[in-house]
Structures are given as structure tokens and as C-alpha cells.
Amino acid sequence: MEFQINSAFENDAKYSKAAKAWRAVLKSIEPFDLSEISLSTIVT
């Protein structure tokens, strides 16, 4: 899973901080083989 930066908000400091944190979360769960159902449970 890859996180895409929305170019409309890339200069927004709050967005950049949140995007960096979200990217770190995705990177930390990358080694695990998570199904779509598992991922949807985590996100919601």
C-alpha cells in the first residue's frame, strides 16, 4: 500500500505533518500480510 500526497495540500504544514505520520504508520504495518478487511477495520 502506498500513500499518495495530495499536491493541493503539500504546502500546508498541518497536512504535511499528518501525511508524514500516516506514512510512518503504513511503513510500520508493511511487513504484515493484511487483508482488505483487516485494513478497513484499522482505518475505520
PDB file of N, CA and C in Angstrom:
ATOM      1  N   MET A   1       0.855  -1.165   0.000  1.00  0.00           N
ATOM      2  CA  MET A   1       0.000   0.000   0.000  1.00  0.00           C
ATOM      3  C   MET A   1       0.900   1.226   0.000  1.00  0.00           C
ATOM      4  N   GLU A   2       0.561   2.169  -0.829  1.00  0.00           N
ATOM      5  CA  GLU A   2       1.370   3.368  -0.899  1.00  0.00           C
ATOM      6  C   GLU A   2       0.502   4.581  -0.654  1.00  0.00           C
ATOM      7  N   PHE A   3       1.035   5.509   0.097  1.00  0.00           N
ATOM      8  CA  PHE A   3       0.332   6.732   0.433  1.00  0.00           C
ATOM      9  C   PHE A   3       0.704   7.809  -0.577  1.00  0.00           C
ATOM     10  N   GLN A   4      -0.280   8.396  -1.222  1.00  0.00           N
ATOM     11  CA  GLN A   4      -0.057   9.446  -2.208  1.00  0.00           C
ATOM     12  C   GLN A   4      -0.327  10.813  -1.592  1.00  0.00           C
ATOM     13  N   ILE A   5       0.606  11.721  -1.761  1.00  0.00           N
ATOM     14  CA  ILE A   5       0.437  13.089  -1.275  1.00  0.00           C
ATOM     15  C   ILE A   5      -0.483  13.848  -2.237  1.00  0.00           C
ATOM     16  N   ASN A   6      -1.465  14.540  -1.684  1.00  0.00           N
ATOM     17  CA  ASN A   6      -2.358  15.370  -2.487  1.00  0.00           C
ATOM     18  C   ASN A   6      -1.638  16.689  -2.750  1.00  0.00           C
ATOM     19  N   SER A   7      -1.271  16.935  -3.976  1.00  0.00           N
ATOM     20  CA  SER A   7      -0.473  18.114  -4.319  1.00  0.00           C
ATOM     21  C   SER A   7      -1.164  19.430  -3.969  1.00  0.00           C
ATOM     22  N   ALA A   8      -2.469  19.425  -3.846  1.00  0.00           N
ATOM     23  CA  ALA A   8      -3.195  20.642  -3.495  1.00  0.00           C
ATOM     24  C   ALA A   8      -2.883  21.084  -2.063  1.00  0.00           C
ATOM     25  N   PHE A   9      -2.424  20.146  -1.219  1.00  0.00           N
ATOM     26  CA  PHE A   9      -2.168  20.458   0.186  1.00  0.00           C
ATOM     27  C   PHE A   9      -0.707  20.329   0.590  1.00  0.00           C
ATOM     28  N   GLU A  10       0.194  20.073  -0.355  1.00  0.00           N
ATOM     29  CA  GLU A  10       1.569  19.784   0.008  1.00  0.00           C
ATOM     30  C   GLU A  10       2.293  20.944   0.695  1.00  0.00           C
ATOM     31  N   ASN A  11       1.831  22.163   0.537  1.00  0.00           N
ATOM     32  CA  ASN A  11       2.452  23.314   1.200  1.00  0.00           C
ATOM     33  C   ASN A  11       1.797  23.646   2.539  1.00  0.00           C
ATOM     34  N   ASP A  12       0.798  22.886   2.925  1.00  0.00           N
ATOM     35  CA  ASP A  12       0.102  23.087   4.197  1.00  0.00           C
ATOM     36  C   ASP A  12       0.860  22.344   5.298  1.00  0.00           C
ATOM     37  N   ALA A  13       1.316  23.060   6.321  1.00  0.00           N
ATOM     38  CA  ALA A  13       2.145  22.478   7.385  1.00  0.00           C
ATOM     39  C   ALA A  13       1.409  21.377   8.150  1.00  0.00           C
ATOM     40  N   LYS A  14       0.130  21.597   8.468  1.00  0.00           N
ATOM     41  CA  LYS A  14      -0.641  20.581   9.201  1.00  0.00           C
ATOM     42  C   LYS A  14      -0.814  19.320   8.358  1.00  0.00           C
ATOM     43  N   TYR A  15      -1.118  19.515   7.090  1.00  0.00           N
ATOM     44  CA  TYR A  15      -1.289  18.374   6.196  1.00  0.00           C
ATOM     45  C   TYR A  15       0.017  17.601   6.068  1.00  0.00           C
ATOM     46  N   SER A  16       1.104  18.308   5.892  1.00  0.00           N
ATOM     47  CA  SER A  16       2.407  17.658   5.746  1.00  0.00           C
ATOM     48  C   SER A  16       2.752  16.840   6.983  1.00  0.00           C
ATOM     49  N   LYS A  17       2.477  17.387   8.150  1.00  0.00           N
ATOM     50  CA  LYS A  17       2.755  16.669   9.404  1.00  0.00           C
ATOM     51  C   LYS A  17       1.882  15.411   9.500  1.00  0.00           C
ATOM     52  N   ALA A  18       0.603  15.551   9.168  1.00  0.00           N
ATOM     53  CA  ALA A  18      -0.304  14.398   9.215  1.00  0.00           C
ATOM     54  C   ALA A  18       0.082  13.355   8.169  1.00  0.00           C
ATOM     55  N   ALA A  19       0.468  13.804   6.994  1.00  0.00           N
ATOM     56  CA  ALA A  19       0.869  12.889   5.928  1.00  0.00           C
ATOM     57  C   ALA A  19       2.124  12.114   6.331  1.00  0.00           C
ATOM     58  N   LYS A  20       3.056  12.792   6.974  1.00  0.00           N
ATOM     59  CA  LYS A  20       4.285  12.144   7.429  1.00  0.00           C
ATOM     60  C   LYS A  20       3.965  11.088   8.492  1.00  0.00           C
ATOM     61  N   ALA A  21       3.063  11.417   9.406  1.00  0.00           N
ATOM     62  CA  ALA A  21       2.668  10.461  10.441  1.00  0.00           C
ATOM     63  C   ALA A  21       1.950   9.257   9.833  1.00  0.00           C
ATOM     64  N   TRP A  22       1.074   9.502   8.893  1.00  0.00           N
ATOM     65  CA  TRP A  22       0.327   8.409   8.239  1.00  0.00           C
ATOM     66  C   TRP A  22       1.271   7.509   7.452  1.00  0.00           C
ATOM     67  N   ARG A  23       2.240   8.123   6.774  1.00  0.00           N
ATOM     68  CA  ARG A  23       3.228   7.344   6.034  1.00  0.00           C
ATOM     69  C   ARG A  23       4.017   6.441   6.993  1.00  0.00           C
ATOM     70  N   ALA A  24       4.339   6.938   8.189  1.00  0.00           N
ATOM     71  CA  ALA A  24       5.061   6.142   9.188  1.00  0.00           C
ATOM     72  C   ALA A  24       4.218   4.958   9.653  1.00  0.00           C
ATOM     73  N   VAL A  25       2.914   5.182   9.821  1.00  0.00           N
ATOM     74  CA  VAL A  25       2.012   4.086  10.211  1.00  0.00           C
ATOM     75  C   VAL A  25       1.991   3.016   9.128  1.00  0.00           C
ATOM     76  N   LEU A  26       1.826   3.435   7.893  1.00  0.00           N
ATOM     77  CA  LEU A  26       1.797   2.478   6.792  1.00  0.00           C
ATOM     78  C   LEU A  26       3.110   1.715   6.681  1.00  0.00           C
ATOM     79  N   LYS A  27       4.216   2.402   6.889  1.00  0.00           N
ATOM     80  CA  LYS A  27       5.524   1.751   6.816  1.00  0.00           C
ATOM     81  C   LYS A  27       5.665   0.714   7.930  1.00  0.00           C
ATOM     82  N   SER A  28       5.136   1.016   9.123  1.00  0.00           N
ATOM     83  CA  SER A  28       5.271   0.095  10.253  1.00  0.00           C
ATOM     84  C   SER A  28       4.433  -1.174  10.092  1.00  0.00           C
ATOM     85  N   ILE A  29       3.321  -1.103   9.350  1.00  0.00           N
ATOM     86  CA  ILE A  29       2.495  -2.302   9.161  1.00  0.00           C
ATOM     87  C   ILE A  29       2.814  -3.025   7.862  1.00  0.00           C
ATOM     88  N   GLU A  30       3.733  -2.475   7.088  1.00  0.00           N
ATOM     89  CA  GLU A  30       4.091  -3.059   5.799  1.00  0.00           C
ATOM     90  C   GLU A  30       4.545  -4.528   5.883  1.00  0.00           C
ATOM     91  N   PRO A  31       5.317  -4.929   6.908  1.00  0.00           N
ATOM     92  CA  PRO A  31       5.782  -6.322   6.965  1.00  0.00           C
ATOM     93  C   PRO A  31       4.671  -7.357   7.178  1.00  0.00           C
ATOM     94  N   PHE A  32       3.520  -6.904   7.618  1.00  0.00           N
ATOM     95  CA  PHE A  32       2.421  -7.819   7.895  1.00  0.00           C
ATOM     96  C   PHE A  32       1.548  -8.002   6.660  1.00  0.00           C
ATOM     97  N   ASP A  33       1.093  -9.222   6.444  1.00  0.00           N
ATOM     98  CA  ASP A  33       0.233  -9.506   5.312  1.00  0.00           C
ATOM     99  C   ASP A  33      -1.217  -9.268   5.747  1.00  0.00           C
ATOM    100  N   LEU A  34      -1.682  -8.055   5.548  1.00  0.00           N
ATOM    101  CA  LEU A  34      -3.027  -7.691   5.992  1.00  0.00           C
ATOM    102  C   LEU A  34      -4.005  -7.728   4.824  1.00  0.00           C
ATOM    103  N   SER A  35      -5.151  -8.313   5.071  1.00  0.00           N
ATOM    104  CA  SER A  35      -6.190  -8.372   4.050  1.00  0.00           C
ATOM    105  C   SER A  35      -6.921  -7.030   3.977  1.00  0.00           C
ATOM    106  N   GLU A  36      -7.707  -6.857   2.945  1.00  0.00           N
ATOM    107  CA  GLU A  36      -8.511  -5.637   2.805  1.00  0.00           C
ATOM    108  C   GLU A  36      -9.447  -5.465   3.995  1.00  0.00           C
ATOM    109  N   ILE A  37      -9.996  -6.564   4.495  1.00  0.00           N
ATOM    110  CA  ILE A  37     -10.901  -6.493   5.643  1.00  0.00           C
ATOM    111  C   ILE A  37     -10.145  -6.004   6.869  1.00  0.00           C
ATOM    112  N   SER A  38      -8.955  -6.528   7.102  1.00  0.00           N
ATOM    113  CA  SER A  38      -8.147  -6.074   8.236  1.00  0.00           C
ATOM    114  C   SER A  38      -7.829  -4.613   8.122  1.00  0.00           C
ATOM    115  N   LEU A  39      -7.436  -4.187   6.938  1.00  0.00           N
ATOM    116  CA  LEU A  39      -7.100  -2.784   6.737  1.00  0.00           C
ATOM    117  C   LEU A  39      -8.310  -1.876   6.944  1.00  0.00           C
ATOM    118  N   SER A  40      -9.467  -2.289   6.471  1.00  0.00           N
ATOM    119  CA  SER A  40     -10.653  -1.451   6.643  1.00  0.00           C
ATOM    120  C   SER A  40     -11.041  -1.358   8.117  1.00  0.00           C
ATOM    121  N   THR A  41     -10.763  -2.396   8.885  1.00  0.00           N
ATOM    122  CA  THR A  41     -11.041  -2.371  10.327  1.00  0.00           C
ATOM    123  C   THR A  41     -10.105  -1.387  11.025  1.00  0.00           C
ATOM    124  N   ILE A  42      -8.861  -1.361  10.623  1.00  0.00           N
ATOM    125  CA  ILE A  42      -7.883  -0.454  11.222  1.00  0.00           C
ATOM    126  C   ILE A  42      -8.236   0.994  10.903  1.00  0.00           C
ATOM    127  N   VAL A  43      -8.629   1.249   9.685  1.00  0.00           N
ATOM    128  CA  VAL A  43      -8.875   2.624   9.232  1.00  0.00           C
ATOM    129  C   VAL A  43     -10.177   3.185   9.801  1.00  0.00           C
ATOM    130  N   THR A  44     -11.169   2.355   9.997  1.00  0.00           N
ATOM    131  CA  THR A  44     -12.453   2.892  10.470  1.00  0.00           C
ATOM    132  C   THR A  44     -12.578   2.937  11.937  1.00  0.00           C
TER     133      THR A  44
END
